[in-house]
Amino acid sequence: MKRLLLVSCVVVLSACSMLRTKTEPVAVSPAQPVDTRLLDANGVPIERIPFRAGVSSVTVERLGKARDCNSNEGAGLVTPPGPVEVYRMVCSSGKVFMARCELRQCKAM
């Protein structure tokens, strides 16, 4: 009885291996890089400026807070450091507050 079971298993396995078809490898094209740049309405890429704190960041944050602009990030320097600097602060409401500081005297733009 054990031999019959063993022989039947061998027959089934050999039949299964005979039915298996060989598959040809499929050529896969390399993935195209995804363009993650933001574009404006005309299709021109929008430049992303990294956040940089400046000497007048705290002053601009106070100016923004006086004009109902609260931000989690704070005021970042947009221009190079110097006698005249421009700061940008994104408000929690979504609007943008900008200020120009000349020799640390800041005014809203």
Protein backbone atom coordinates (compact mmCIF):
# COMPACT_ATOMS: atom_id res chain seq x y z
CA MET A 1 0.00 0.00 0.00
CA LYS A 2 2.86 2.37 0.86
CA ARG A 3 4.51 1.61 -2.49
CA LEU A 4 1.31 2.38 -4.36
CA LEU A 5 0.99 5.70 -2.59
CA LEU A 6 4.64 6.51 -3.25
CA VAL A 7 4.38 5.58 -6.93
CA SER A 8 1.21 7.64 -7.37
CA CYS A 9 2.90 10.67 -5.78
CA VAL A 10 5.88 10.29 -8.12
CA VAL A 11 3.57 10.08 -11.14
CA VAL A 12 1.61 13.18 -10.10
CA LEU A 13 4.77 15.20 -9.46
CA SER A 14 6.34 14.19 -12.76
CA ALA A 15 3.12 15.09 -14.59
CA CYS A 16 3.08 18.48 -12.94
CA SER A 17 6.69 19.16 -13.91
CA MET A 18 5.93 18.17 -17.52
CA LEU A 19 3.00 20.62 -17.68
CA ARG A 20 5.04 23.53 -16.44
CA THR A 21 5.87 25.91 -19.26
CA LYS A 22 9.03 27.88 -19.40
CA THR A 23 8.57 31.62 -19.19
CA GLU A 24 10.79 34.00 -21.04
CA PRO A 25 12.20 36.91 -19.04
CA VAL A 26 10.42 40.15 -19.78
CA ALA A 27 12.53 43.21 -20.51
CA VAL A 28 11.68 45.94 -18.01
CA SER A 29 12.37 49.52 -18.95
CA PRO A 30 13.97 51.69 -16.27
CA ALA A 31 11.57 53.87 -14.33
CA GLN A 32 11.27 57.45 -15.51
CA PRO A 33 12.21 60.01 -12.85
CA VAL A 34 9.22 61.81 -11.42
CA ASP A 35 9.29 65.59 -11.72
CA THR A 36 8.40 66.86 -8.24
CA ARG A 37 9.02 70.56 -8.95
CA LEU A 38 6.15 72.94 -8.38
CA LEU A 39 4.99 74.90 -11.42
CA ASP A 40 3.13 78.20 -11.65
CA ALA A 41 0.13 78.86 -13.94
CA ASN A 42 2.41 79.39 -16.97
CA GLY A 43 4.36 76.17 -16.37
CA VAL A 44 7.48 77.91 -15.05
CA PRO A 45 9.16 76.10 -12.12
CA ILE A 46 8.75 77.78 -8.74
CA GLU A 47 12.02 78.28 -6.88
CA ARG A 48 12.09 76.86 -3.35
CA ILE A 49 14.09 78.97 -0.90
CA PRO A 50 15.39 77.19 2.20
CA PHE A 51 14.51 78.77 5.54
CA ARG A 52 17.23 81.03 6.92
CA ALA A 53 16.91 83.10 10.04
CA GLY A 54 18.30 86.63 9.96
CA VAL A 55 19.18 89.30 12.50
CA SER A 56 15.71 90.88 12.22
CA SER A 57 13.63 87.66 12.17
CA VAL A 58 12.20 88.27 15.63
CA THR A 59 11.25 91.86 14.76
CA VAL A 60 9.44 90.71 11.61
CA GLU A 61 7.63 88.00 13.58
CA ARG A 62 6.39 90.66 16.00
CA LEU A 63 5.24 92.84 13.09
CA GLY A 64 3.40 89.88 11.60
CA LYS A 65 1.76 88.99 14.90
CA ALA A 66 0.50 92.59 15.20
CA ARG A 67 -1.15 92.09 11.78
CA ASP A 68 -2.82 88.77 12.73
CA CYS A 69 -0.17 86.59 11.12
CA ASN A 70 0.81 83.71 13.39
CA SER A 71 3.37 81.28 12.05
CA ASN A 72 4.83 78.01 13.30
CA GLU A 73 7.97 78.44 11.22
CA GLY A 74 8.81 82.11 11.76
CA ALA A 75 10.24 84.80 9.50
CA GLY A 76 12.88 83.67 7.04
CA LEU A 77 15.45 85.77 5.23
CA VAL A 78 14.82 85.89 1.46
CA THR A 79 17.67 88.16 0.34
CA PRO A 80 21.36 87.89 1.17
CA PRO A 81 22.35 89.37 4.55
CA GLY A 82 23.28 93.03 4.36
CA PRO A 83 22.10 96.53 5.21
CA VAL A 84 18.78 95.96 3.39
CA GLU A 85 17.04 92.61 3.93
CA VAL A 86 13.66 91.18 2.94
CA TYR A 87 11.90 88.66 5.18
CA ARG A 88 9.02 86.31 4.38
CA MET A 89 6.67 84.64 6.84
CA VAL A 90 3.90 82.16 5.93
CA CYS A 91 0.90 82.69 8.20
CA SER A 92 -1.12 79.80 9.62
CA SER A 93 -4.11 81.12 7.60
CA GLY A 94 -2.17 80.59 4.37
CA LYS A 95 -1.38 84.21 3.49
CA VAL A 96 2.18 85.49 3.23
CA PHE A 97 3.56 88.40 5.26
CA MET A 98 6.67 90.16 3.96
CA ALA A 99 8.78 92.90 5.50
CA ARG A 100 11.74 94.98 4.40
CA CYS A 101 14.38 95.84 6.96
CA GLU A 102 16.96 98.58 6.41
CA LEU A 103 19.64 98.77 9.08
CA ARG A 104 17.36 96.70 11.38
CA GLN A 105 14.43 99.11 10.96
CA CYS A 106 11.60 96.92 9.60
CA LYS A 107 8.41 97.87 7.75
CA ALA A 108 5.69 95.68 6.30
CA MET A 109 5.60 95.46 2.53
